[in-house]
Amino acid sequence: MFTALTESDRYILAFFNGSDSLFMDNLSVVLTSGLTWIPLYLSLLYVVIKNNETMRQIMLVVGCALLCIVLSDGVADFVVKPLVARLRPTYDPLVKYSIDIVNGIRGNQYSFFSAHASNTFCIAMFFSLLIRNRKFIIAMVLWSLINCWTRLYLGVHYPSDILVGLLWGAIVGLLVYSFYFKVYRRISSDFNYISTKYTSTGYSHEDIDIVLLVMVLTLLYVIVRTLTLF
């Protein structure tokens, strides 16, 4: 069974990895960069500041978001990867010669599990539970999946690395939100809002639209930036 799973991993990776398109190569490089998504992070911070009444509430959300990353990235990079020591496809002697290396990107030595998948999905999970807006949830999940796609396209992760990363990210996001909810109830009196202008957790639909606009503008920037790399 393990052999069959390993073969499936390699087969699926071969399907997603690389292409003959320079545009797609450059696109994956720009999308996978954390710097590309700084405007998204800033827009999320704006929404948190705008829709919370006290500094304690704001710092609770910011602290929980940081806790998501600490748990997600810390477990992936400092616990699981050294223990499992699974070589990235770009270093694995069984497949590295068949991997399409994009712009010389190989990543560090170990791949299991994907911190990109875990980090983006725990943030998507936490903020989705926090804000409770359907369009926002869809956008955040797609954002995480786009980042996951880049890791397969670049050949730096196997599909199972991505799937486990998504699972751990979901667990972290859910656990941290549970912690947030308990603390928030202690420092705030009201939690549920009934209004067409706000979500059930008190976040303005207009402010949420700003985040969505930032995501669209970021994708437009990505396309322009990709074209300039030719």
Protein backbone atom coordinates (compact mmCIF):
# COMPACT_ATOMS: atom_id res chain seq x y z
CA MET A 1 0.00 0.00 0.00
CA PHE A 2 2.82 2.38 0.89
CA THR A 3 4.44 1.73 -2.47
CA ALA A 4 1.15 2.44 -4.26
CA LEU A 5 0.76 5.72 -2.36
CA THR A 6 4.30 6.72 -3.21
CA GLU A 7 3.75 5.99 -6.88
CA SER A 8 0.51 7.99 -6.82
CA ASP A 9 2.37 10.86 -5.20
CA ARG A 10 4.93 10.88 -7.99
CA TYR A 11 2.32 10.50 -10.72
CA ILE A 12 0.22 13.43 -9.47
CA LEU A 13 3.32 15.56 -8.98
CA ALA A 14 4.38 14.85 -12.57
CA PHE A 15 0.98 16.11 -13.73
CA PHE A 16 1.30 19.46 -11.92
CA ASN A 17 5.04 20.04 -12.10
CA GLY A 18 6.31 22.60 -14.60
CA SER A 19 5.36 23.28 -18.19
CA ASP A 20 6.79 24.61 -21.41
CA SER A 21 5.35 28.04 -20.64
CA LEU A 22 7.67 30.79 -19.39
CA PHE A 23 4.59 32.73 -18.35
CA MET A 24 3.44 29.92 -16.05
CA ASP A 25 6.96 29.52 -14.70
CA ASN A 26 7.20 33.19 -13.78
CA LEU A 27 3.63 33.23 -12.51
CA SER A 28 4.29 30.42 -10.04
CA VAL A 29 7.43 32.15 -8.77
CA VAL A 30 5.63 35.44 -8.13
CA LEU A 31 2.60 33.76 -6.54
CA THR A 32 4.65 31.62 -4.17
CA SER A 33 6.54 34.61 -2.75
CA GLY A 34 5.37 35.77 0.66
CA LEU A 35 6.16 39.36 -0.32
CA THR A 36 3.45 39.23 -2.98
CA TRP A 37 0.77 38.84 -0.34
CA ILE A 38 1.83 41.62 2.04
CA PRO A 39 -1.08 43.83 0.84
CA LEU A 40 -3.50 41.02 1.78
CA TYR A 41 -2.04 40.78 5.28
CA LEU A 42 -2.25 44.56 5.69
CA SER A 43 -5.87 44.59 4.52
CA LEU A 44 -6.73 41.88 7.06
CA LEU A 45 -5.07 43.98 9.76
CA TYR A 46 -7.12 46.98 8.62
CA VAL A 47 -10.36 45.01 8.91
CA VAL A 48 -9.42 43.81 12.38
CA ILE A 49 -8.58 47.33 13.58
CA LYS A 50 -11.66 48.86 11.98
CA ASN A 51 -14.10 46.29 13.37
CA ASN A 52 -12.91 45.87 16.93
CA GLU A 53 -13.67 48.43 19.61
CA THR A 54 -10.78 48.07 22.04
CA MET A 55 -7.05 47.55 21.84
CA ARG A 56 -7.43 44.31 23.81
CA GLN A 57 -9.76 42.93 21.16
CA ILE A 58 -7.40 43.98 18.35
CA MET A 59 -4.34 42.52 20.05
CA LEU A 60 -6.24 39.29 20.73
CA VAL A 61 -6.95 38.81 17.02
CA VAL A 62 -3.39 39.78 15.99
CA GLY A 63 -1.91 37.56 18.68
CA CYS A 64 -4.05 34.61 17.61
CA ALA A 65 -3.10 35.10 13.95
CA LEU A 66 0.57 35.06 14.95
CA LEU A 67 -0.06 32.00 17.11
CA CYS A 68 -1.48 30.26 14.03
CA ILE A 69 1.79 30.82 12.17
CA VAL A 70 3.95 29.84 15.15
CA LEU A 71 2.12 26.54 15.60
CA SER A 72 1.79 25.83 11.89
CA ASP A 73 5.27 26.75 10.72
CA GLY A 74 7.02 25.73 13.93
CA VAL A 75 5.66 22.17 13.88
CA ALA A 76 6.28 21.80 10.14
CA ASP A 77 9.82 23.19 9.93
CA PHE A 78 11.27 22.44 13.36
CA VAL A 79 9.55 19.21 14.41
CA VAL A 80 8.08 17.13 11.60
CA LYS A 81 10.50 17.85 8.75
CA PRO A 82 13.65 16.95 10.74
CA LEU A 83 11.98 13.85 12.20
CA VAL A 84 10.49 12.50 8.97
CA ALA A 85 13.42 13.71 6.85
CA ARG A 86 11.60 13.15 3.57
CA LEU A 87 13.65 14.60 0.74
CA ARG A 88 12.01 17.17 -1.49
CA PRO A 89 11.33 15.96 -5.03
CA THR A 90 14.09 18.32 -6.18
CA TYR A 91 16.57 16.42 -3.97
CA ASP A 92 15.12 12.91 -4.12
CA PRO A 93 17.53 10.78 -6.22
CA LEU A 94 14.60 8.71 -7.52
CA VAL A 95 12.79 11.64 -9.11
CA LYS A 96 15.01 14.74 -9.10
CA TYR A 97 16.20 14.18 -12.67
CA SER A 98 12.61 14.11 -13.92
CA ILE A 99 11.55 17.24 -12.01
CA ASP A 100 11.17 20.45 -13.98
CA ILE A 101 13.21 22.94 -11.93
CA VAL A 102 11.78 26.44 -12.31
CA ASN A 103 14.20 29.38 -12.09
CA GLY A 104 16.61 27.28 -10.04
CA ILE A 105 14.17 26.99 -7.11
CA ARG A 106 14.79 23.81 -5.11
CA GLY A 107 13.79 24.77 -1.57
CA ASN A 108 15.56 23.41 1.49
CA GLN A 109 16.26 19.71 1.87
CA TYR A 110 13.09 18.30 3.44
CA SER A 111 9.50 18.45 2.23
CA PHE A 112 7.09 16.73 4.65
CA PHE A 113 4.89 18.51 5.31
CA SER A 114 4.32 21.74 3.39
CA ALA A 115 4.58 24.85 5.56
CA HIS A 116 3.17 26.92 2.69
CA ALA A 117 0.00 24.81 2.69
CA SER A 118 -0.24 24.75 6.47
CA ASN A 119 0.47 28.45 7.02
CA THR A 120 -1.92 29.75 4.39
CA PHE A 121 -4.73 27.39 5.32
CA CYS A 122 -4.52 28.04 9.06
CA ILE A 123 -4.80 31.78 8.35
CA ALA A 124 -7.68 31.12 5.94
CA MET A 125 -9.43 28.94 8.53
CA PHE A 126 -8.93 31.32 11.44
CA PHE A 127 -10.11 34.44 9.59
CA SER A 128 -12.98 32.59 7.96
CA LEU A 129 -14.29 31.58 11.39
CA LEU A 130 -13.59 35.06 12.71
CA ILE A 131 -15.34 37.03 9.96
CA ARG A 132 -18.06 34.61 8.74
CA ASN A 133 -18.64 35.93 5.21
CA ARG A 134 -19.22 33.49 2.33
CA LYS A 135 -17.38 35.46 -0.36
CA PHE A 136 -14.48 36.05 1.99
CA ILE A 137 -14.27 32.36 2.92
CA ILE A 138 -14.21 31.30 -0.73
CA ALA A 139 -11.53 33.88 -1.54
CA MET A 140 -9.31 32.85 1.38
CA VAL A 141 -9.57 29.13 0.59
CA LEU A 142 -8.74 29.81 -3.06
CA TRP A 143 -5.77 31.91 -1.94
CA SER A 144 -4.44 29.00 0.08
CA LEU A 145 -5.01 26.53 -2.76
CA ILE A 146 -3.22 28.82 -5.22
CA ASN A 147 -0.20 28.78 -2.93
CA CYS A 148 -0.45 24.99 -2.74
CA TRP A 149 -0.53 24.76 -6.54
CA THR A 150 2.68 26.78 -6.81
CA ARG A 151 4.51 24.28 -4.59
CA LEU A 152 3.49 21.41 -6.86
CA TYR A 153 4.25 23.36 -10.01
CA LEU A 154 7.72 24.22 -8.72
CA GLY A 155 8.27 20.58 -7.79
CA VAL A 156 9.28 21.32 -4.19
CA HIS A 157 6.51 19.25 -2.59
CA TYR A 158 4.71 15.98 -3.15
CA PRO A 159 0.88 16.05 -3.14
CA SER A 160 0.83 14.24 0.21
CA ASP A 161 2.99 17.01 1.68
CA ILE A 162 0.32 19.48 0.58
CA LEU A 163 -2.61 17.42 1.87
CA VAL A 164 -1.08 16.93 5.30
CA GLY A 165 -0.14 20.60 5.39
CA LEU A 166 -3.75 21.56 4.66
CA LEU A 167 -4.98 19.18 7.36
CA TRP A 168 -2.59 20.55 9.98
CA GLY A 169 -3.45 24.11 8.94
CA ALA A 170 -7.16 23.38 9.40
CA ILE A 171 -6.53 21.89 12.85
CA VAL A 172 -4.38 24.83 13.94
CA GLY A 173 -6.86 27.39 12.63
CA LEU A 174 -9.75 25.68 14.41
CA LEU A 175 -7.88 25.27 17.71
CA VAL A 176 -6.64 28.85 17.74
CA TYR A 177 -10.10 30.17 16.92
CA SER A 178 -11.55 28.11 19.79
CA PHE A 179 -8.99 29.74 22.09
CA TYR A 180 -9.83 33.17 20.65
CA PHE A 181 -13.57 32.62 21.18
CA LYS A 182 -13.14 31.71 24.85
CA VAL A 183 -10.92 34.71 25.57
CA TYR A 184 -13.11 37.09 23.57
CA ARG A 185 -16.20 36.11 25.56
CA ARG A 186 -14.35 37.04 28.74
CA ILE A 187 -13.26 40.50 27.58
CA SER A 188 -16.35 41.44 25.53
CA SER A 189 -20.06 41.42 26.30
CA ASP A 190 -21.65 41.01 22.86
CA PHE A 191 -20.66 38.54 20.16
CA ASN A 192 -23.61 38.02 17.80
CA TYR A 193 -24.72 40.87 15.54
CA ILE A 194 -28.01 41.10 13.63
CA SER A 195 -27.63 43.59 10.78
CA THR A 196 -27.44 43.57 7.00
CA LYS A 197 -24.31 45.72 7.23
CA TYR A 198 -22.39 43.31 9.42
CA THR A 199 -21.64 39.62 9.64
CA SER A 200 -22.85 37.61 12.61
CA THR A 201 -19.52 38.30 14.33
CA GLY A 202 -19.65 42.07 13.78
CA TYR A 203 -17.48 42.59 10.70
CA SER A 204 -18.59 45.19 8.16
CA HIS A 205 -19.41 43.84 4.70
CA GLU A 206 -17.93 47.03 3.20
CA ASP A 207 -14.62 46.43 4.96
CA ILE A 208 -14.63 42.80 3.85
CA ASP A 209 -15.09 44.01 0.27
CA ILE A 210 -11.87 46.00 0.67
CA VAL A 211 -10.00 42.78 1.42
CA LEU A 212 -11.52 41.14 -1.65
CA LEU A 213 -10.58 44.17 -3.76
CA VAL A 214 -7.00 43.98 -2.47
CA MET A 215 -6.86 40.32 -3.46
CA VAL A 216 -8.07 41.13 -6.98
CA LEU A 217 -5.58 43.99 -7.33
CA THR A 218 -2.81 41.74 -6.05
CA LEU A 219 -3.62 39.17 -8.72
CA LEU A 220 -3.53 41.91 -11.36
CA TYR A 221 -0.13 42.97 -10.02
CA VAL A 222 0.99 39.34 -10.20
CA ILE A 223 0.07 39.18 -13.89
CA VAL A 224 1.86 42.46 -14.67
CA ARG A 225 4.89 41.42 -12.63
CA THR A 226 4.96 38.06 -14.42
CA LEU A 227 4.97 39.74 -17.82
CA THR A 228 7.89 42.00 -16.83
CA LEU A 229 10.04 38.95 -16.02
CA PHE A 230 10.25 37.86 -19.65
